[in-house]
Amino acid sequence: MSAIIKYPEEIQKCLDIYEPYAIQIYEGKLEGVPQEAIDAYNKAKKWFWEQEQ
């Protein structure tokens, strides 16, 4: 049985924004990636990092 993970609304919005560009961002190929997607990725990454501390 798999669990559905519910993120805070603000973080879910970030995930939704950067998801279409996730592979490019992960590979560091940022050409053509909107700044909004990069910012959303960085915000979500920071939040996930803080959850692990």
Protein backbone atom coordinates (compact mmCIF):
# COMPACT_ATOMS: atom_id res chain seq x y z
CA MET A 1 0.00 0.00 0.00
CA SER A 2 1.45 3.35 -0.99
CA ALA A 3 1.05 6.51 1.02
CA ILE A 4 0.00 9.81 -0.47
CA ILE A 5 2.33 12.57 0.66
CA LYS A 6 0.65 15.87 1.39
CA TYR A 7 2.97 18.86 1.25
CA PRO A 8 2.15 22.37 2.47
CA GLU A 9 0.28 24.30 -0.22
CA GLU A 10 3.18 26.70 -0.81
CA ILE A 11 5.61 23.82 -1.41
CA GLN A 12 3.14 21.95 -3.63
CA LYS A 13 2.85 25.06 -5.81
CA CYS A 14 6.64 25.12 -6.13
CA LEU A 15 6.68 21.45 -7.13
CA ASP A 16 3.98 22.06 -9.73
CA ILE A 17 5.92 24.99 -11.20
CA TYR A 18 9.31 23.32 -11.54
CA GLU A 19 8.21 19.75 -12.31
CA PRO A 20 8.09 20.20 -16.12
CA TYR A 21 11.73 21.35 -15.97
CA ALA A 22 12.95 18.98 -13.25
CA ILE A 23 15.32 16.92 -15.41
CA GLN A 24 16.90 20.02 -16.94
CA ILE A 25 17.33 21.59 -13.51
CA TYR A 26 18.80 18.40 -11.99
CA GLU A 27 21.28 18.17 -14.88
CA GLY A 28 22.20 21.86 -14.58
CA LYS A 29 20.94 22.59 -18.11
CA LEU A 30 19.19 25.84 -17.25
CA GLU A 31 19.06 27.34 -20.73
CA GLY A 32 15.40 27.88 -21.59
CA VAL A 33 14.20 27.19 -18.04
CA PRO A 34 12.08 30.09 -16.73
CA GLN A 35 13.53 31.88 -13.71
CA GLU A 36 10.24 31.20 -11.90
CA ALA A 37 10.87 27.44 -12.20
CA ILE A 38 14.44 27.79 -10.91
CA ASP A 39 13.26 29.89 -7.97
CA ALA A 40 10.50 27.38 -7.20
CA TYR A 41 13.02 24.53 -7.27
CA ASN A 42 15.37 26.35 -4.91
CA LYS A 43 12.55 27.18 -2.50
CA ALA A 44 11.32 23.57 -2.43
CA LYS A 45 14.87 22.23 -2.10
CA LYS A 46 15.50 24.52 0.88
CA TRP A 47 12.25 23.40 2.53
CA PHE A 48 13.05 19.70 2.02
CA TRP A 49 16.56 20.22 3.38
CA GLU A 50 15.15 21.91 6.50
CA GLN A 51 12.82 18.95 7.09
CA GLU A 52 15.80 16.61 7.29
CA GLN A 53 17.63 18.69 9.91
